[in-house]
N, C-alpha and C. Protein backbone atom coordinates (compact mmCIF):
# COMPACT_ATOMS: atom_id res chain seq x y z
N MET A 1 96.08 46.71 -24.51
CA MET A 1 95.49 45.81 -23.39
C MET A 1 94.96 46.06 -22.30
N ALA A 2 93.78 45.86 -22.26
CA ALA A 2 93.11 46.56 -20.78
C ALA A 2 93.71 45.60 -19.67
N ALA A 3 93.62 46.10 -18.67
CA ALA A 3 93.94 45.52 -17.33
C ALA A 3 92.98 44.56 -16.66
N VAL A 4 93.04 43.83 -16.40
CA VAL A 4 91.92 42.90 -15.82
C VAL A 4 92.04 43.22 -14.02
N MET A 5 90.59 43.77 -13.99
CA MET A 5 90.62 43.79 -12.27
C MET A 5 89.85 42.82 -11.65
N HIS A 6 90.47 42.44 -10.96
CA HIS A 6 90.03 41.39 -9.78
C HIS A 6 89.03 41.96 -8.57
N ALA A 7 88.22 41.63 -8.12
CA ALA A 7 87.88 42.30 -6.93
C ALA A 7 88.54 41.56 -5.58
N SER A 8 88.91 42.17 -4.82
CA SER A 8 89.63 41.87 -3.53
C SER A 8 88.82 41.26 -2.48
N PRO A 9 89.39 40.29 -1.99
CA PRO A 9 88.51 39.38 -1.11
C PRO A 9 88.23 40.14 0.35
N ALA A 10 87.04 40.16 0.61
CA ALA A 10 86.60 40.79 1.99
C ALA A 10 87.40 39.95 3.17
N PRO A 11 87.15 40.75 4.30
CA PRO A 11 87.52 39.78 5.50
C PRO A 11 86.95 38.62 5.38
N GLY A 12 87.67 37.47 5.97
CA GLY A 12 87.06 35.99 5.85
C GLY A 12 87.55 35.44 4.58
N GLY A 13 87.50 36.37 3.78
CA GLY A 13 87.93 35.65 2.22
C GLY A 13 86.90 35.64 1.47
N LEU A 14 85.83 36.21 1.68
CA LEU A 14 84.45 36.14 0.83
C LEU A 14 84.33 37.57 0.04
N SER A 15 84.15 37.40 -1.34
CA SER A 15 84.28 38.29 -2.00
C SER A 15 82.60 39.16 -1.83
N LYS A 16 82.27 40.37 -2.39
CA LYS A 16 81.17 41.16 -2.05
C LYS A 16 80.07 39.98 -2.71
N ASN A 17 80.22 39.47 -3.70
CA ASN A 17 79.41 38.75 -4.60
C ASN A 17 78.86 37.44 -3.21
N HIS A 18 79.65 36.74 -2.80
CA HIS A 18 79.94 35.78 -1.57
C HIS A 18 78.95 36.29 -0.56
N ARG A 19 79.62 37.63 0.11
CA ARG A 19 78.66 38.08 1.12
C ARG A 19 77.20 38.17 0.74
N LEU A 20 77.00 38.69 -0.17
CA LEU A 20 75.65 38.85 -0.52
C LEU A 20 74.63 37.80 -0.82
N VAL A 21 75.25 36.60 -1.24
CA VAL A 21 74.58 35.60 -1.32
C VAL A 21 74.44 34.96 0.13
N LEU A 22 75.50 34.89 0.95
CA LEU A 22 75.29 34.42 2.15
C LEU A 22 74.29 35.30 3.07
N GLU A 23 74.26 36.77 2.76
CA GLU A 23 73.28 37.68 3.71
C GLU A 23 72.18 37.14 3.18
N ILE A 24 71.52 36.94 2.18
CA ILE A 24 70.24 36.90 1.53
C ILE A 24 69.94 35.07 2.24
N VAL A 25 70.64 34.48 2.40
CA VAL A 25 70.59 33.04 2.90
C VAL A 25 70.15 33.39 4.35
N GLN A 26 70.98 33.86 4.93
CA GLN A 26 70.68 34.12 6.36
C GLN A 26 69.51 34.78 6.75
N GLU A 27 69.16 35.77 6.13
CA GLU A 27 68.04 36.68 6.45
C GLU A 27 66.71 35.91 6.07
N GLN A 28 66.73 34.88 5.28
CA GLN A 28 65.57 33.97 5.16
C GLN A 28 64.95 33.27 6.74
N GLY A 29 65.87 33.13 7.56
CA GLY A 29 65.63 32.75 8.86
C GLY A 29 65.51 31.04 8.72
N PRO A 30 65.44 30.48 10.14
CA PRO A 30 65.34 29.09 10.08
C PRO A 30 64.28 28.49 9.34
N GLY A 31 64.17 27.27 8.72
CA GLY A 31 63.31 26.90 8.22
C GLY A 31 62.63 26.96 7.02
N ARG A 32 63.65 27.78 6.39
CA ARG A 32 63.49 28.43 4.86
C ARG A 32 64.59 27.65 3.75
N HIS A 33 64.13 27.03 2.94
CA HIS A 33 64.85 26.37 1.98
C HIS A 33 64.71 27.00 0.76
N LEU A 34 65.79 27.30 -0.01
CA LEU A 34 65.47 27.99 -1.24
C LEU A 34 66.25 27.67 -2.43
N ALA A 35 65.73 27.38 -3.52
CA ALA A 35 66.18 26.67 -4.60
C ALA A 35 67.07 27.50 -5.09
N MET A 36 68.08 27.46 -5.98
CA MET A 36 68.84 28.04 -6.70
C MET A 36 68.48 29.13 -7.60
N SER A 37 67.43 28.74 -8.05
CA SER A 37 66.56 30.15 -9.09
C SER A 37 66.09 31.05 -8.01
N GLU A 38 65.45 30.78 -6.88
CA GLU A 38 65.13 31.64 -5.89
C GLU A 38 65.91 32.51 -5.20
N LEU A 39 67.19 32.03 -5.24
CA LEU A 39 68.38 32.89 -4.56
C LEU A 39 69.01 33.63 -5.48
N PHE A 40 68.79 33.45 -6.77
CA PHE A 40 69.06 34.10 -8.08
C PHE A 40 68.15 35.13 -8.16
N ALA A 41 67.21 35.02 -7.96
CA ALA A 41 66.14 36.13 -8.05
C ALA A 41 66.15 37.32 -7.11
N LEU A 42 66.49 36.62 -6.03
CA LEU A 42 66.72 37.65 -4.72
C LEU A 42 68.11 38.32 -5.12
N ALA A 43 68.79 37.79 -5.34
CA ALA A 43 70.47 38.15 -5.67
C ALA A 43 70.23 39.57 -6.78
N ARG A 44 69.50 39.43 -7.58
CA ARG A 44 69.49 40.24 -8.68
C ARG A 44 68.35 41.65 -8.28
N THR A 45 67.54 41.54 -7.01
CA THR A 45 66.97 42.55 -6.97
C THR A 45 67.72 43.54 -6.16
N ARG A 46 69.07 43.06 -5.58
CA ARG A 46 70.09 44.00 -4.87
C ARG A 46 71.17 44.15 -5.81
N ARG A 47 71.61 43.47 -6.51
CA ARG A 47 72.58 43.62 -7.78
C ARG A 47 71.93 43.00 -8.84
N PRO A 48 71.58 43.99 -9.66
CA PRO A 48 71.03 43.50 -10.92
C PRO A 48 72.32 42.81 -12.15
N SER A 49 73.28 42.99 -12.04
CA SER A 49 74.46 42.72 -12.56
C SER A 49 75.00 41.54 -12.55
N ILE A 50 74.49 40.97 -11.35
CA ILE A 50 75.03 39.63 -10.89
C ILE A 50 74.55 38.40 -11.64
N GLY A 51 75.49 37.55 -11.97
CA GLY A 51 75.13 36.27 -12.98
C GLY A 51 74.47 35.41 -12.28
N PHE A 52 73.87 34.29 -12.92
CA PHE A 52 73.54 33.01 -12.23
C PHE A 52 74.75 32.10 -11.97
N THR A 53 75.92 32.10 -12.78
CA THR A 53 77.18 31.39 -12.56
C THR A 53 77.69 31.69 -11.31
N THR A 54 77.99 33.26 -11.05
CA THR A 54 78.36 33.84 -9.62
C THR A 54 77.51 33.25 -8.31
N VAL A 55 76.29 33.14 -8.61
CA VAL A 55 75.47 32.75 -7.49
C VAL A 55 75.55 31.37 -7.06
N TYR A 56 75.72 30.54 -8.60
CA TYR A 56 76.12 29.19 -8.18
C TYR A 56 77.48 28.95 -7.59
N ARG A 57 78.25 29.50 -7.97
CA ARG A 57 79.78 29.57 -7.42
C ARG A 57 79.82 30.13 -6.00
N ALA A 58 79.02 30.76 -5.57
CA ALA A 58 79.29 31.38 -4.19
C ALA A 58 78.36 30.51 -3.59
N LEU A 59 77.31 29.70 -3.80
CA LEU A 59 76.70 28.84 -2.86
C LEU A 59 77.61 27.59 -2.88
N ALA A 60 78.19 27.07 -3.84
CA ALA A 60 79.48 26.19 -3.76
C ALA A 60 80.64 26.40 -2.71
N ARG A 61 81.03 27.69 -2.89
CA ARG A 61 81.79 28.07 -2.15
C ARG A 61 81.38 28.07 -0.45
N LEU A 62 80.17 28.92 -0.05
CA LEU A 62 79.93 28.95 1.08
C LEU A 62 79.66 27.42 1.69
N ARG A 63 78.77 26.70 0.78
CA ARG A 63 78.71 25.07 1.11
C ARG A 63 79.69 24.52 1.70
N ASP A 64 81.40 24.94 0.88
CA ASP A 64 82.30 24.07 1.25
C ASP A 64 83.01 24.47 2.48
N ARG A 65 82.66 25.84 2.69
CA ARG A 65 83.16 26.84 4.21
C ARG A 65 82.06 26.15 5.14
N GLY A 66 81.09 25.70 4.96
CA GLY A 66 80.25 25.32 6.19
C GLY A 66 79.46 26.46 6.83
N LEU A 67 79.07 27.61 5.81
CA LEU A 67 78.35 28.59 6.04
C LEU A 67 76.86 28.54 5.38
N VAL A 68 76.80 27.59 4.43
CA VAL A 68 75.20 27.21 3.98
C VAL A 68 75.36 25.96 3.72
N ALA A 69 74.28 25.28 4.14
CA ALA A 69 73.77 23.93 3.77
C ALA A 69 72.96 23.77 2.58
N GLU A 70 73.46 22.79 1.88
CA GLU A 70 72.86 22.18 0.62
C GLU A 70 71.85 21.06 1.19
N ILE A 71 70.76 20.99 0.40
CA ILE A 71 69.94 20.09 0.98
C ILE A 71 69.67 19.29 -0.09
N ALA A 72 69.80 18.11 -0.33
CA ALA A 72 69.15 17.31 -1.54
C ALA A 72 68.34 16.12 -1.11
N ILE A 73 66.92 16.33 -1.35
CA ILE A 73 65.87 15.77 -0.77
C ILE A 73 65.58 14.79 -2.10
N PRO A 74 65.61 13.48 -1.59
CA PRO A 74 65.33 12.65 -2.68
C PRO A 74 63.41 12.84 -3.29
N GLY A 75 63.44 12.63 -4.61
CA GLY A 75 62.05 12.88 -5.17
C GLY A 75 62.06 14.59 -5.67
N THR A 76 62.75 15.36 -5.45
CA THR A 76 63.11 16.55 -5.93
C THR A 76 64.28 16.40 -7.03
N GLU A 77 64.28 17.70 -7.91
CA GLU A 77 64.98 17.64 -9.20
C GLU A 77 66.25 18.68 -8.71
N ARG A 78 66.02 19.57 -7.47
CA ARG A 78 66.92 20.17 -7.25
C ARG A 78 67.16 20.22 -5.90
N ALA A 79 68.42 21.10 -5.84
CA ALA A 79 68.79 21.20 -4.29
C ALA A 79 68.36 22.42 -3.58
N TYR A 80 68.43 22.45 -2.25
CA TYR A 80 68.00 23.49 -1.71
C TYR A 80 69.05 24.11 -0.90
N TYR A 81 68.84 25.21 -0.18
CA TYR A 81 69.94 25.81 0.42
C TYR A 81 69.38 26.32 1.82
N GLU A 82 70.02 26.45 2.67
CA GLU A 82 69.33 27.31 4.07
C GLU A 82 70.72 27.51 4.72
N ALA A 83 70.62 28.20 5.90
CA ALA A 83 71.68 28.84 6.44
C ALA A 83 72.19 27.74 7.38
N ALA A 84 73.59 27.41 7.48
CA ALA A 84 73.94 26.23 8.35
C ALA A 84 73.49 26.63 9.81
N GLY A 85 73.52 25.34 10.51
CA GLY A 85 72.64 25.87 11.85
C GLY A 85 73.10 24.30 12.45
N HIS A 86 72.16 24.27 13.36
CA HIS A 86 72.13 22.90 14.14
C HIS A 86 71.92 21.80 13.21
N PRO A 87 72.20 20.55 13.52
CA PRO A 87 71.85 19.38 12.53
C PRO A 87 70.23 19.03 12.90
N HIS A 88 69.79 18.73 11.58
CA HIS A 88 68.22 18.40 11.67
C HIS A 88 67.88 17.61 10.29
N ALA A 89 66.83 17.23 10.48
CA ALA A 89 66.06 16.21 9.41
C ALA A 89 65.12 17.09 8.84
N HIS A 90 64.66 16.57 7.71
CA HIS A 90 63.95 17.28 6.63
C HIS A 90 62.57 16.36 6.42
N PHE A 91 61.42 17.12 6.07
CA PHE A 91 60.18 16.56 5.82
C PHE A 91 59.63 17.28 4.52
N ARG A 92 59.52 16.28 3.32
CA ARG A 92 58.93 16.45 2.33
C ARG A 92 57.59 16.03 1.97
N CYS A 93 56.60 17.18 1.67
CA CYS A 93 55.17 16.87 1.67
C CYS A 93 55.19 16.36 -0.04
N THR A 94 54.69 15.11 -0.34
CA THR A 94 54.40 14.14 -1.41
C THR A 94 53.35 14.94 -2.52
N ALA A 95 52.40 15.86 -1.62
CA ALA A 95 51.36 16.65 -2.11
C ALA A 95 51.80 17.83 -2.63
N CYS A 96 52.11 18.44 -1.76
CA CYS A 96 52.44 20.20 -2.12
C CYS A 96 54.04 20.31 -2.16
N GLY A 97 54.65 19.44 -2.20
CA GLY A 97 56.05 19.79 -2.01
C GLY A 97 56.69 20.73 -1.15
N ARG A 98 56.02 21.16 -0.43
CA ARG A 98 56.88 21.76 1.06
C ARG A 98 57.61 20.95 1.49
N ILE A 99 58.90 21.83 2.10
CA ILE A 99 59.66 21.15 3.01
C ILE A 99 60.09 21.68 4.26
N ASP A 100 59.86 21.00 5.14
CA ASP A 100 59.88 21.59 6.76
C ASP A 100 61.15 20.80 7.54
N ASP A 101 61.56 21.90 8.44
CA ASP A 101 62.68 21.23 9.17
C ASP A 101 61.91 20.18 10.23
N VAL A 102 62.69 19.39 10.47
CA VAL A 102 62.35 18.40 11.39
C VAL A 102 63.80 18.09 12.51
N ASN A 103 63.25 18.47 13.85
CA ASN A 103 64.21 18.45 15.19
C ASN A 103 64.71 17.00 15.32
N TYR A 104 65.44 16.49 14.60
CA TYR A 104 65.88 15.00 14.66
C TYR A 104 67.06 14.69 14.08
N VAL A 105 68.08 14.06 14.70
CA VAL A 105 69.42 13.80 14.14
C VAL A 105 69.48 12.01 14.13
N ILE A 106 70.07 11.47 13.55
CA ILE A 106 70.38 10.03 13.85
C ILE A 106 71.23 9.86 14.86
N PRO A 107 71.11 9.09 16.14
CA PRO A 107 71.95 8.94 17.16
C PRO A 107 73.27 8.51 16.29
N ASP A 108 74.42 9.37 17.21
CA ASP A 108 75.68 8.56 16.80
C ASP A 108 75.83 7.42 17.22
N ALA A 109 75.34 6.42 18.33
CA ALA A 109 75.37 5.20 18.52
C ALA A 109 74.85 4.47 17.39
N LEU A 110 73.54 4.70 17.02
CA LEU A 110 72.96 4.15 15.85
C LEU A 110 73.86 4.22 14.61
N ALA A 111 74.30 5.01 14.36
CA ALA A 111 75.15 5.38 12.93
C ALA A 111 76.55 4.69 13.06
N ALA A 112 76.92 4.59 14.49
CA ALA A 112 78.41 3.40 14.51
C ALA A 112 78.00 2.26 14.72
N GLN A 113 76.69 1.95 14.91
CA GLN A 113 76.21 0.16 14.89
C GLN A 113 76.04 -0.05 13.37
N LEU A 114 75.48 0.70 12.44
CA LEU A 114 75.52 0.55 11.11
C LEU A 114 76.51 0.56 10.46
N ALA A 115 77.76 1.45 10.78
CA ALA A 115 78.96 1.53 10.04
C ALA A 115 79.63 0.01 10.57
N GLU A 116 79.59 -0.32 11.62
CA GLU A 116 80.52 -1.48 11.88
C GLU A 116 79.73 -2.78 11.23
N ALA A 117 78.32 -2.81 11.21
CA ALA A 117 77.64 -3.71 10.42
C ALA A 117 78.21 -4.03 9.06
N HIS A 118 78.28 -2.68 8.60
CA HIS A 118 78.38 -2.85 6.99
C HIS A 118 79.93 -2.78 6.79
N GLY A 119 80.82 -2.32 7.56
CA GLY A 119 82.09 -2.19 7.17
C GLY A 119 82.49 -0.72 6.39
N PHE A 120 81.74 0.35 6.94
CA PHE A 120 81.88 1.79 6.23
C PHE A 120 82.23 2.61 7.42
N ALA A 121 82.82 3.89 7.00
CA ALA A 121 82.75 4.86 8.10
C ALA A 121 82.00 5.83 7.87
N VAL A 122 80.93 6.17 8.58
CA VAL A 122 80.08 7.48 8.42
C VAL A 122 80.93 8.84 8.97
N GLU A 123 80.68 9.72 7.85
CA GLU A 123 81.28 10.92 7.69
C GLU A 123 79.94 12.09 8.26
N ARG A 124 79.13 11.75 7.46
CA ARG A 124 77.60 12.45 7.70
C ARG A 124 76.61 11.64 7.57
N SER A 125 75.53 12.21 8.45
CA SER A 125 73.93 11.62 7.92
C SER A 125 72.86 12.66 7.49
N ASP A 126 72.33 12.52 6.82
CA ASP A 126 71.29 13.22 6.32
C ASP A 126 69.96 12.48 6.24
N LEU A 127 69.10 12.84 6.85
CA LEU A 127 67.62 12.32 6.92
C LEU A 127 66.70 12.78 6.41
N SER A 128 65.58 12.26 5.49
CA SER A 128 64.78 13.24 4.90
C SER A 128 63.35 12.05 5.13
N LEU A 129 62.41 12.77 5.43
CA LEU A 129 60.89 11.82 5.63
C LEU A 129 60.00 12.28 4.57
N HIS A 130 59.32 11.43 4.02
CA HIS A 130 58.33 12.11 2.95
C HIS A 130 56.85 11.41 3.52
N GLY A 131 56.18 12.00 3.06
CA GLY A 131 54.63 11.58 2.96
C GLY A 131 53.79 13.26 2.98
N ARG A 132 52.64 13.20 3.58
CA ARG A 132 51.81 14.44 3.55
C ARG A 132 51.53 15.18 4.81
N CYS A 133 52.10 16.65 4.31
CA CYS A 133 51.79 17.40 5.51
C CYS A 133 50.65 17.62 6.03
N ALA A 134 50.21 18.28 7.18
CA ALA A 134 49.19 18.70 8.10
C ALA A 134 48.16 19.14 7.25
N ASP A 135 48.31 19.97 6.23
CA ASP A 135 47.54 20.88 5.34
C ASP A 135 47.09 20.14 4.08
N CYS A 136 48.02 18.88 4.11
CA CYS A 136 47.44 18.06 2.75
C CYS A 136 46.60 16.76 3.03
N ARG A 137 47.10 16.32 4.35
CA ARG A 137 46.05 14.94 4.86
C ARG A 137 44.79 15.37 4.64
C-alpha cells in the first residue's frame, strides 16, 4: 500500500496552490475582476498540473479568510474574484459586460435605518450598478 503524501501548509496555513492562486489575484491589481476560468488558465501557465477543483477550493478558502473578494453581480452567470481591499461598489455595463470598481459604499447610517425599518441585522452590503459604460453609450 502506498503512503499518501500531503503538502504541508505554508506559513499562515496556506498550501503552495493556495499561495499561487492568491499571488495571481493580487498581481492583477485594483479594478481587475477575474472569472474562475480565467484564474484557472493563469494558474495552469505557472503550474500545468494544477486542477480546476484545486483552484476552485483555493478561491473558497481565500475568500473565507478575507484574502480574496468574491463578487456576485446580478445579470452575470458567474462570480468574479478580486484582491480583498477597501470596500467599494461595482458597475456592470449591460452592453459589453465590463465590470468596473466604483468608489462608493452604502453609508452605515443608511444600512442601520434600513435594518431598523425592516427588522433585520445587516452584516454586509454589496452594491452593483448597471447601465452602459462610457464606451458603449
